Amino acid sequence: MQPLYIKNDDERKVVTEKLARVVYAETLGSSLLAAEALCSMIANLHLKTARLLPDIATDKSIFESLAEDSARHASLDADAGRRDFQMCLRTVRRMMNGLLNDSVMGATKFHRAENLPQWAVNAGYIAEIGGMLFYL
């Protein structure tokens, strides 16, 4: 029997779901502040670079959790009914509707505190929220 694939023709819903899964995987649903900070960074990146949200949502150079060898990769498949995932989904919706204040002062890059990517070695971060460091 062939697997059943459900196609969603509403691209906005697809992008919202992808972003919510990335936000969840990167923050592990740890707090509303962390979800808002990451969504703020995504919005800033979108606005300052004109990159489309579907492109941002799938960029492995931004989100470590998208790499298959990441310890957070499995979190992309979190149960959509989880309360912490639903919090991330609501936060992404707020961001996409322009209802989320910028909590990271214009930042367009981030990394989690336990990692130090090469690009951040000589850069000064402008915000630290929920175990994530944010940069311009």
C-alpha atoms as a PDB file:
ATOM      1  CA  MET A   1       0.000   0.000   0.000  1.00  0.00           C
ATOM      2  CA  GLN A   2       1.273   3.472  -0.913  1.00  0.00           C
ATOM      3  CA  PRO A   3       1.771   5.962   1.952  1.00  0.00           C
ATOM      4  CA  LEU A   4      -0.854   8.673   2.179  1.00  0.00           C
ATOM      5  CA  TYR A   5       0.488  12.168   1.635  1.00  0.00           C
ATOM      6  CA  ILE A   6      -1.638  15.099   2.631  1.00  0.00           C
ATOM      7  CA  LYS A   7      -1.045  18.196   0.574  1.00  0.00           C
ATOM      8  CA  ASN A   8      -1.801  21.546   2.116  1.00  0.00           C
ATOM      9  CA  ASP A   9      -2.422  24.144  -0.563  1.00  0.00           C
ATOM     10  CA  ASP A  10      -2.265  26.998   1.931  1.00  0.00           C
ATOM     11  CA  GLU A  11       1.411  27.959   1.723  1.00  0.00           C
ATOM     12  CA  ARG A  12       1.103  30.296   4.712  1.00  0.00           C
ATOM     13  CA  LYS A  13       0.000  27.419   6.954  1.00  0.00           C
ATOM     14  CA  VAL A  14       2.832  25.237   5.672  1.00  0.00           C
ATOM     15  CA  VAL A  15       5.408  27.950   6.400  1.00  0.00           C
ATOM     16  CA  THR A  16       3.877  28.615   9.821  1.00  0.00           C
ATOM     17  CA  GLU A  17       4.138  24.928  10.702  1.00  0.00           C
ATOM     18  CA  LYS A  18       7.747  24.674   9.455  1.00  0.00           C
ATOM     19  CA  LEU A  19       8.802  27.741  11.417  1.00  0.00           C
ATOM     20  CA  ALA A  20       7.020  26.534  14.549  1.00  0.00           C
ATOM     21  CA  ARG A  21       8.848  23.206  14.304  1.00  0.00           C
ATOM     22  CA  VAL A  22      12.194  24.969  13.922  1.00  0.00           C
ATOM     23  CA  VAL A  23      11.464  27.332  16.812  1.00  0.00           C
ATOM     24  CA  TYR A  24      10.444  24.368  18.944  1.00  0.00           C
ATOM     25  CA  ALA A  25      13.544  22.348  18.020  1.00  0.00           C
ATOM     26  CA  GLU A  26      15.896  25.261  18.673  1.00  0.00           C
ATOM     27  CA  THR A  27      14.307  26.296  21.984  1.00  0.00           C
ATOM     28  CA  LEU A  28      12.880  22.905  23.004  1.00  0.00           C
ATOM     29  CA  GLY A  29       9.819  24.901  24.034  1.00  0.00           C
ATOM     30  CA  SER A  30      11.726  26.084  27.098  1.00  0.00           C
ATOM     31  CA  SER A  31       9.931  29.409  27.515  1.00  0.00           C
ATOM     32  CA  LEU A  32       7.755  31.981  25.837  1.00  0.00           C
ATOM     33  CA  LEU A  33      10.612  34.496  26.046  1.00  0.00           C
ATOM     34  CA  ALA A  34      12.916  32.150  24.128  1.00  0.00           C
ATOM     35  CA  ALA A  35      10.275  31.491  21.445  1.00  0.00           C
ATOM     36  CA  GLU A  36       9.562  35.221  21.104  1.00  0.00           C
ATOM     37  CA  ALA A  37      13.273  36.015  20.851  1.00  0.00           C
ATOM     38  CA  LEU A  38      13.870  33.490  18.092  1.00  0.00           C
ATOM     39  CA  CYS A  39      10.757  34.613  16.214  1.00  0.00           C
ATOM     40  CA  SER A  40      11.928  38.228  16.548  1.00  0.00           C
ATOM     41  CA  MET A  41      15.264  37.267  15.025  1.00  0.00           C
ATOM     42  CA  ILE A  42      13.481  35.476  12.147  1.00  0.00           C
ATOM     43  CA  ALA A  43      11.291  38.537  11.504  1.00  0.00           C
ATOM     44  CA  ASN A  44      14.331  40.838  11.567  1.00  0.00           C
ATOM     45  CA  LEU A  45      16.184  38.614   9.116  1.00  0.00           C
ATOM     46  CA  HIS A  46      13.172  38.568   6.808  1.00  0.00           C
ATOM     47  CA  LEU A  47      12.696  42.347   6.947  1.00  0.00           C
ATOM     48  CA  LYS A  48      16.349  43.365   6.682  1.00  0.00           C
ATOM     49  CA  THR A  49      17.377  40.949   3.929  1.00  0.00           C
ATOM     50  CA  ALA A  50      14.090  40.429   2.045  1.00  0.00           C
ATOM     51  CA  ARG A  51      14.640  36.676   2.357  1.00  0.00           C
ATOM     52  CA  LEU A  52      11.395  34.781   2.127  1.00  0.00           C
ATOM     53  CA  LEU A  53      10.165  32.976   5.220  1.00  0.00           C
ATOM     54  CA  PRO A  54      10.041  29.555   3.463  1.00  0.00           C
ATOM     55  CA  ASP A  55      13.734  29.994   2.623  1.00  0.00           C
ATOM     56  CA  ILE A  56      14.610  30.999   6.183  1.00  0.00           C
ATOM     57  CA  ALA A  57      12.632  28.071   7.623  1.00  0.00           C
ATOM     58  CA  THR A  58      14.789  25.552   5.762  1.00  0.00           C
ATOM     59  CA  ASP A  59      18.231  27.159   6.091  1.00  0.00           C
ATOM     60  CA  LYS A  60      20.633  24.786   7.837  1.00  0.00           C
ATOM     61  CA  SER A  61      23.209  27.555   8.185  1.00  0.00           C
ATOM     62  CA  ILE A  62      20.793  29.414  10.485  1.00  0.00           C
ATOM     63  CA  PHE A  63      19.179  26.528  12.369  1.00  0.00           C
ATOM     64  CA  GLU A  64      21.437  23.750  13.599  1.00  0.00           C
ATOM     65  CA  SER A  65      18.413  21.549  14.337  1.00  0.00           C
ATOM     66  CA  LEU A  66      17.786  21.123  10.588  1.00  0.00           C
ATOM     67  CA  ALA A  67      20.997  19.123  10.211  1.00  0.00           C
ATOM     68  CA  GLU A  68      20.273  15.411  10.402  1.00  0.00           C
ATOM     69  CA  ASP A  69      23.235  14.827  12.729  1.00  0.00           C
ATOM     70  CA  SER A  70      22.007  17.437  15.214  1.00  0.00           C
ATOM     71  CA  ALA A  71      20.951  16.284  18.669  1.00  0.00           C
ATOM     72  CA  ARG A  72      17.888  18.518  18.255  1.00  0.00           C
ATOM     73  CA  HIS A  73      16.867  17.195  14.832  1.00  0.00           C
ATOM     74  CA  ALA A  74      14.370  14.668  16.243  1.00  0.00           C
ATOM     75  CA  SER A  75      12.562  17.544  17.978  1.00  0.00           C
ATOM     76  CA  LEU A  76      11.410  18.773  14.575  1.00  0.00           C
ATOM     77  CA  ASP A  77       8.917  15.888  14.670  1.00  0.00           C
ATOM     78  CA  ALA A  78       7.423  16.824  18.036  1.00  0.00           C
ATOM     79  CA  ASP A  79       3.779  15.944  18.607  1.00  0.00           C
ATOM     80  CA  ALA A  80       1.747  18.935  17.427  1.00  0.00           C
ATOM     81  CA  GLY A  81      -0.536  18.549  20.444  1.00  0.00           C
ATOM     82  CA  ARG A  82       2.211  19.260  22.972  1.00  0.00           C
ATOM     83  CA  ARG A  83       1.571  22.417  24.968  1.00  0.00           C
ATOM     84  CA  ASP A  84       5.124  23.681  24.443  1.00  0.00           C
ATOM     85  CA  PHE A  85       4.869  23.118  20.685  1.00  0.00           C
ATOM     86  CA  GLN A  86       1.512  24.920  20.626  1.00  0.00           C
ATOM     87  CA  MET A  87       3.184  27.864  22.385  1.00  0.00           C
ATOM     88  CA  CYS A  88       5.798  28.000  19.602  1.00  0.00           C
ATOM     89  CA  LEU A  89       3.067  27.774  16.964  1.00  0.00           C
ATOM     90  CA  ARG A  90       1.119  30.666  18.519  1.00  0.00           C
ATOM     91  CA  THR A  91       4.303  32.744  18.721  1.00  0.00           C
ATOM     92  CA  VAL A  92       5.107  32.131  15.052  1.00  0.00           C
ATOM     93  CA  ARG A  93       1.537  33.124  14.140  1.00  0.00           C
ATOM     94  CA  ARG A  94       1.922  36.359  16.119  1.00  0.00           C
ATOM     95  CA  MET A  95       5.189  37.067  14.303  1.00  0.00           C
ATOM     96  CA  MET A  96       3.674  36.367  10.881  1.00  0.00           C
ATOM     97  CA  ASN A  97       0.741  38.670  11.664  1.00  0.00           C
ATOM     98  CA  GLY A  98       3.055  41.505  12.753  1.00  0.00           C
ATOM     99  CA  LEU A  99       1.957  41.270  16.385  1.00  0.00           C
ATOM    100  CA  LEU A 100       5.325  40.448  17.941  1.00  0.00           C
ATOM    101  CA  ASN A 101       7.583  43.169  19.314  1.00  0.00           C
ATOM    102  CA  ASP A 102      11.291  42.912  18.546  1.00  0.00           C
ATOM    103  CA  SER A 103      12.814  41.517  21.723  1.00  0.00           C
ATOM    104  CA  VAL A 104      16.324  41.113  20.247  1.00  0.00           C
ATOM    105  CA  MET A 105      17.047  44.719  19.222  1.00  0.00           C
ATOM    106  CA  GLY A 106      17.294  44.091  15.487  1.00  0.00           C
ATOM    107  CA  ALA A 107      19.395  40.932  15.664  1.00  0.00           C
ATOM    108  CA  THR A 108      19.547  38.791  12.526  1.00  0.00           C
ATOM    109  CA  LYS A 109      21.814  35.976  13.772  1.00  0.00           C
ATOM    110  CA  PHE A 110      21.875  33.712  16.787  1.00  0.00           C
ATOM    111  CA  HIS A 111      23.468  30.675  18.314  1.00  0.00           C
ATOM    112  CA  ARG A 112      22.784  28.726  21.451  1.00  0.00           C
ATOM    113  CA  ALA A 113      25.126  29.381  24.358  1.00  0.00           C
ATOM    114  CA  GLU A 114      26.595  25.866  24.255  1.00  0.00           C
ATOM    115  CA  ASN A 115      27.925  26.443  20.714  1.00  0.00           C
ATOM    116  CA  LEU A 116      30.339  29.038  19.390  1.00  0.00           C
ATOM    117  CA  PRO A 117      30.264  29.214  15.603  1.00  0.00           C
ATOM    118  CA  GLN A 118      33.274  30.704  13.842  1.00  0.00           C
ATOM    119  CA  TRP A 119      31.329  33.784  12.720  1.00  0.00           C
ATOM    120  CA  ALA A 120      30.642  34.682  16.377  1.00  0.00           C
ATOM    121  CA  VAL A 121      34.215  34.420  17.700  1.00  0.00           C
ATOM    122  CA  ASN A 122      35.005  38.127  17.321  1.00  0.00           C
ATOM    123  CA  ALA A 123      31.441  39.439  17.287  1.00  0.00           C
ATOM    124  CA  GLY A 124      29.697  41.040  20.220  1.00  0.00           C
ATOM    125  CA  TYR A 125      26.240  39.775  21.014  1.00  0.00           C
ATOM    126  CA  ILE A 126      23.493  42.270  21.736  1.00  0.00           C
ATOM    127  CA  ALA A 127      21.046  40.072  23.637  1.00  0.00           C
ATOM    128  CA  GLU A 128      21.047  36.831  25.601  1.00  0.00           C
ATOM    129  CA  ILE A 129      17.646  35.235  26.026  1.00  0.00           C
ATOM    130  CA  GLY A 130      16.722  31.690  26.874  1.00  0.00           C
ATOM    131  CA  GLY A 131      20.235  30.337  26.433  1.00  0.00           C
ATOM    132  CA  MET A 132      20.596  31.944  23.002  1.00  0.00           C
ATOM    133  CA  LEU A 133      22.916  34.767  22.012  1.00  0.00           C
ATOM    134  CA  PHE A 134      21.723  37.242  19.369  1.00  0.00           C
ATOM    135  CA  TYR A 135      23.835  39.356  16.994  1.00  0.00           C
ATOM    136  CA  LEU A 136      23.336  42.067  14.371  1.00  0.00           C
END
